[in-house]
Protein backbone atom coordinates (compact mmCIF):
# COMPACT_ATOMS: atom_id res chain seq x y z
CA UNK A 1 -0.10 -0.06 0.21
CA UNK A 2 1.42 3.31 -1.07
CA UNK A 3 0.06 5.38 1.83
CA UNK A 4 1.99 5.14 5.20
CA UNK A 5 -1.48 5.46 7.22
CA UNK A 6 -3.51 3.14 5.16
CA UNK A 7 -0.51 0.64 5.64
CA UNK A 8 -0.98 1.19 9.28
CA UNK A 9 -4.64 0.82 9.19
CA UNK A 10 -4.56 -2.29 7.16
CA UNK A 11 -2.05 -3.59 9.82
CA UNK A 12 -4.23 -3.01 12.74
CA UNK A 13 -7.32 -4.16 11.31
CA UNK A 14 -5.23 -7.28 10.18
CA UNK A 15 -6.84 -7.25 6.50
CA UNK A 16 -7.10 -10.65 5.02
CA UNK A 17 -7.54 -11.43 1.35
CA UNK A 18 -10.94 -12.51 1.54
CA UNK A 19 -12.39 -10.19 3.67
CA UNK A 20 -15.20 -8.07 2.89
CA UNK A 21 -14.65 -4.19 3.82
CA UNK A 22 -16.96 -1.29 4.00
CA UNK A 23 -15.36 2.29 4.02
CA UNK A 24 -17.49 4.95 5.58
CA UNK A 25 -16.72 8.41 3.91
CA UNK A 26 -13.84 7.68 1.66
CA UNK A 27 -14.36 11.13 -0.23
CA UNK A 28 -12.22 11.09 -3.39
CA UNK A 29 -9.11 9.42 -1.74
CA UNK A 30 -7.25 6.59 -2.95
CA UNK A 31 -8.06 4.78 0.01
CA UNK A 32 -10.35 1.93 -1.64
CA UNK A 33 -7.79 1.10 -4.22
CA UNK A 34 -4.97 0.91 -1.37
CA UNK A 35 -7.05 -1.53 0.67
CA UNK A 36 -8.00 -3.33 -2.18
CA UNK A 37 -4.34 -4.03 -2.55
CA UNK A 38 -4.76 -6.06 0.63
CA UNK A 39 -8.51 -7.35 0.05
CA UNK A 40 -7.41 -9.44 -3.35
CA UNK A 41 -10.01 -12.17 -3.14
CA UNK A 42 -12.86 -10.33 -1.38
CA UNK A 43 -14.64 -6.93 -1.66
CA UNK A 44 -14.03 -3.22 -0.86
CA UNK A 45 -16.93 -0.82 -0.81
CA UNK A 46 -17.12 2.81 0.07
CA UNK A 47 -20.40 4.51 1.21
CA UNK A 48 -20.21 8.44 1.04
CA UNK A 49 -22.74 11.30 1.36
CA UNK A 50 -21.32 13.27 -1.23
CA UNK A 51 -22.39 12.60 -4.79
CA UNK A 52 -19.23 14.80 -5.71
CA UNK A 53 -17.06 12.21 -4.14
CA UNK A 54 -18.46 9.56 -5.41
CA UNK A 55 -18.62 10.57 -8.92
CA UNK A 56 -14.50 11.50 -8.76
CA UNK A 57 -13.85 8.51 -6.82
CA UNK A 58 -15.94 6.48 -9.71
CA UNK A 59 -13.72 8.60 -12.07
CA UNK A 60 -10.23 7.58 -10.49
CA UNK A 61 -11.36 4.00 -10.06
CA UNK A 62 -12.99 3.45 -13.34
CA UNK A 63 -9.26 4.36 -15.15
CA UNK A 64 -8.36 1.11 -13.81
CA UNK A 65 -11.52 -0.64 -14.36
CA UNK A 66 -11.99 -1.62 -10.71
CA UNK A 67 -15.07 0.05 -9.35
CA UNK A 68 -19.08 -0.21 -9.46
CA UNK A 69 -21.20 2.55 -8.31
CA UNK A 70 -24.63 2.67 -7.30
CA UNK A 71 -26.77 4.99 -5.35
CA UNK A 72 -29.55 4.99 -2.68
CA UNK A 73 -31.96 8.40 -1.86
CA UNK A 74 -30.07 11.63 -2.52
CA UNK A 75 -28.24 12.75 0.30
CA UNK A 76 -26.30 15.46 1.86
CA UNK A 77 -22.97 16.61 0.16
CA UNK A 78 -19.72 17.17 2.47
CA UNK A 79 -17.69 20.09 0.99
CA UNK A 80 -14.48 19.03 2.51
CA UNK A 81 -14.94 15.25 1.62
CA UNK A 82 -14.26 12.54 4.28
CA UNK A 83 -11.53 9.45 4.47
CA UNK A 84 -8.29 11.35 4.67
CA UNK A 85 -9.17 15.05 4.33
CA UNK A 86 -10.87 17.27 6.62
CA UNK A 87 -12.67 15.64 9.47
CA UNK A 88 -16.08 15.09 8.73
CA UNK A 89 -19.69 14.98 10.24
CA UNK A 90 -20.82 12.23 8.06
CA UNK A 91 -24.55 13.17 8.98
CA UNK A 92 -24.58 17.08 9.31
CA UNK A 93 -27.34 18.18 6.83
CA UNK A 94 -26.47 20.48 3.82
CA UNK A 95 -27.42 20.71 0.21
CA UNK A 96 -26.34 18.20 -2.51
CA UNK A 97 -26.56 17.95 -6.33
CA UNK A 98 -28.37 15.33 -7.61
CA UNK A 99 -26.62 12.12 -7.65
CA UNK A 100 -25.54 10.75 -11.20
CA UNK A 101 -26.98 7.41 -12.66
CA UNK A 102 -25.74 4.33 -11.27
CA UNK A 103 -22.62 3.40 -13.92
CA UNK A 104 -21.28 -0.23 -13.94
CA UNK A 105 -17.40 -0.12 -14.20
CA UNK A 106 -16.21 -3.33 -12.93
CA UNK A 107 -18.33 -4.91 -9.99
CA UNK A 108 -15.62 -7.56 -9.04
CA UNK A 109 -13.35 -5.92 -6.46
CA UNK A 110 -14.52 -2.06 -5.51
CA UNK A 111 -17.81 -0.73 -5.23
CA UNK A 112 -19.30 2.63 -4.62
CA UNK A 113 -22.70 3.23 -2.87
CA UNK A 114 -24.20 7.03 -2.83
CA UNK A 115 -26.07 7.30 0.59
CA UNK A 116 -25.88 9.27 4.24
CA UNK A 117 -24.85 6.57 6.55
CA UNK A 118 -27.63 7.32 9.41
CA UNK A 119 -30.58 6.74 6.56
CA UNK A 120 -28.83 4.08 4.83
CA UNK A 121 -31.08 0.74 4.37
CA UNK A 122 -28.54 -1.89 5.34
CA UNK A 123 -30.47 -4.59 3.24
CA UNK A 124 -30.18 -2.47 0.04
CA UNK A 125 -26.74 -1.76 0.68
CA UNK A 126 -25.90 -5.48 0.74
CA UNK A 127 -28.07 -6.73 -2.00
CA UNK A 128 -26.65 -4.23 -4.10
CA UNK A 129 -23.03 -5.97 -3.62
CA UNK A 130 -24.27 -9.28 -2.97
CA UNK A 131 -23.25 -9.88 0.28
CA UNK A 132 -24.42 -11.08 3.67
CA UNK A 133 -22.43 -8.34 5.75
CA UNK A 134 -19.06 -6.95 5.96
CA UNK A 135 -16.33 -8.52 8.24
CA UNK A 136 -14.47 -5.03 8.78
CA UNK A 137 -15.82 -1.48 8.56
CA UNK A 138 -13.14 1.35 8.52
CA UNK A 139 -14.15 5.26 9.04
CA UNK A 140 -11.16 7.45 8.56
CA UNK A 141 -11.39 11.20 10.30
CA UNK A 142 -15.39 10.77 10.09
CA UNK A 143 -16.22 12.99 13.40
CA UNK A 144 -19.78 11.76 13.71
CA UNK A 145 -18.97 9.15 15.91
CA UNK A 146 -18.04 11.57 18.82
CA UNK A 147 -19.32 14.89 18.08
CA UNK A 148 -22.86 13.28 19.19
CA UNK A 149 -23.84 9.71 20.48
CA UNK A 150 -23.85 7.96 16.97
CA UNK A 151 -27.15 5.76 17.96
CA UNK A 152 -28.35 5.79 14.45
CA UNK A 153 -24.92 5.29 12.59
CA UNK A 154 -24.20 2.33 15.13
CA UNK A 155 -27.57 0.71 14.75
CA UNK A 156 -27.12 0.75 10.86
CA UNK A 157 -23.20 -0.80 11.37
CA UNK A 158 -24.50 -3.33 13.74
CA UNK A 159 -26.75 -4.67 10.85
CA UNK A 160 -24.07 -4.32 8.20
CA UNK A 161 -21.46 -6.15 10.33
CA UNK A 162 -21.22 -10.14 10.44
CA UNK A 163 -20.79 -11.98 13.36
CA UNK A 164 -17.57 -11.57 14.90
CA UNK A 165 -16.84 -8.67 12.51
CA UNK A 166 -15.31 -5.17 13.58
CA UNK A 167 -15.46 -1.53 13.22
CA UNK A 168 -12.53 0.67 13.03
CA UNK A 169 -12.55 4.29 13.62
CA UNK A 170 -9.17 5.91 12.78
CA UNK A 171 -7.91 9.23 13.11
CA UNK A 172 -4.80 11.24 11.88
CA UNK A 173 -3.29 12.66 8.98
CA UNK A 174 0.38 12.39 9.39
CA UNK A 175 2.30 8.55 9.78
CA UNK A 176 2.76 6.09 12.47
CA UNK A 177 6.16 7.81 13.35
CA UNK A 178 6.78 10.93 14.59
CA UNK A 179 4.50 13.34 16.85
CA UNK A 180 0.94 13.26 17.22
CA UNK A 181 -0.35 16.75 15.78
CA UNK A 182 -3.62 15.80 14.23
CA UNK A 183 -6.69 16.81 15.86
CA UNK A 184 -8.32 13.62 17.46
CA UNK A 185 -11.77 12.60 19.30
CA UNK A 186 -11.29 13.66 23.43
CA UNK A 187 -9.85 10.87 25.30
CA UNK A 188 -12.66 8.27 26.40
CA UNK A 189 -15.36 9.58 24.22
CA UNK A 190 -15.30 6.95 21.72
CA UNK A 191 -14.98 4.19 24.35
CA UNK A 192 -18.16 5.84 26.31
CA UNK A 193 -20.55 5.74 22.94
CA UNK A 194 -19.54 2.53 21.59
CA UNK A 195 -19.45 0.65 24.89
CA UNK A 196 -23.07 2.17 25.72
CA UNK A 197 -24.00 0.63 22.27
CA UNK A 198 -22.93 -2.84 23.46
CA UNK A 199 -19.21 -2.90 21.79
CA UNK A 200 -16.07 -4.05 23.17
CA UNK A 201 -13.38 -1.18 22.81
CA UNK A 202 -9.81 -1.83 22.00
CA UNK A 203 -7.11 1.41 21.03
CA UNK A 204 -4.04 1.37 19.24
CA UNK A 205 -1.82 4.50 18.79
CA UNK A 206 1.18 5.08 16.75
CA UNK A 207 2.68 8.23 15.77
CA UNK A 208 0.32 10.52 14.51
CA UNK A 209 -2.54 7.92 14.26
CA UNK A 210 -5.06 6.59 16.48
CA UNK A 211 -7.40 3.61 15.51
CA UNK A 212 -10.47 2.52 17.70
CA UNK A 213 -11.66 -1.22 17.25
CA UNK A 214 -15.10 -1.84 18.36
CA UNK A 215 -16.39 -5.65 18.41
CA UNK A 216 -19.32 -7.37 19.64
CA UNK A 217 -18.85 -9.76 22.12
């Protein structure tokens, strides 16, 4: 993987070749393609509330013939774009341009889905990509999980995770070495909300990177 951050995230997630991975709010960053380098025989799907980010990601991935796109109901746009750019509140309301029609590029490895996480219908996402659940769900620099009690978001995630699956909430813009300078959630805030929702929480940190792993008992 070409990005030191995502190499570290992938190591913490213990990605396997057959994993089914969902990234929340990838924006138009290269994260999906980087994750797919580890998930060689599985599935990588990105769900984003920004139609603009979905279109840019489809263009980026389409050049490599590696993605399919689909969309749900129109949802709010995030001008900062999630997943490695500015921290985002994935559920904050704003105005979005209409979502472009779904365009199949190549559905074998990487998929894209336009929806707001809190209003996402899990069965629609799972049916679209032909999976019964995801082994691992990743969100990078998505603030909604600590700026409020993410009750609706965690309820959706619970329905998307397979038994024994894990949610990975990661923060940071630098690398796994050096000083921690990026803004991150207050200590204990994520733990509190995740524990209240019934998850067991483990935290890993290295350099400028933080990853909170939430799993069901």
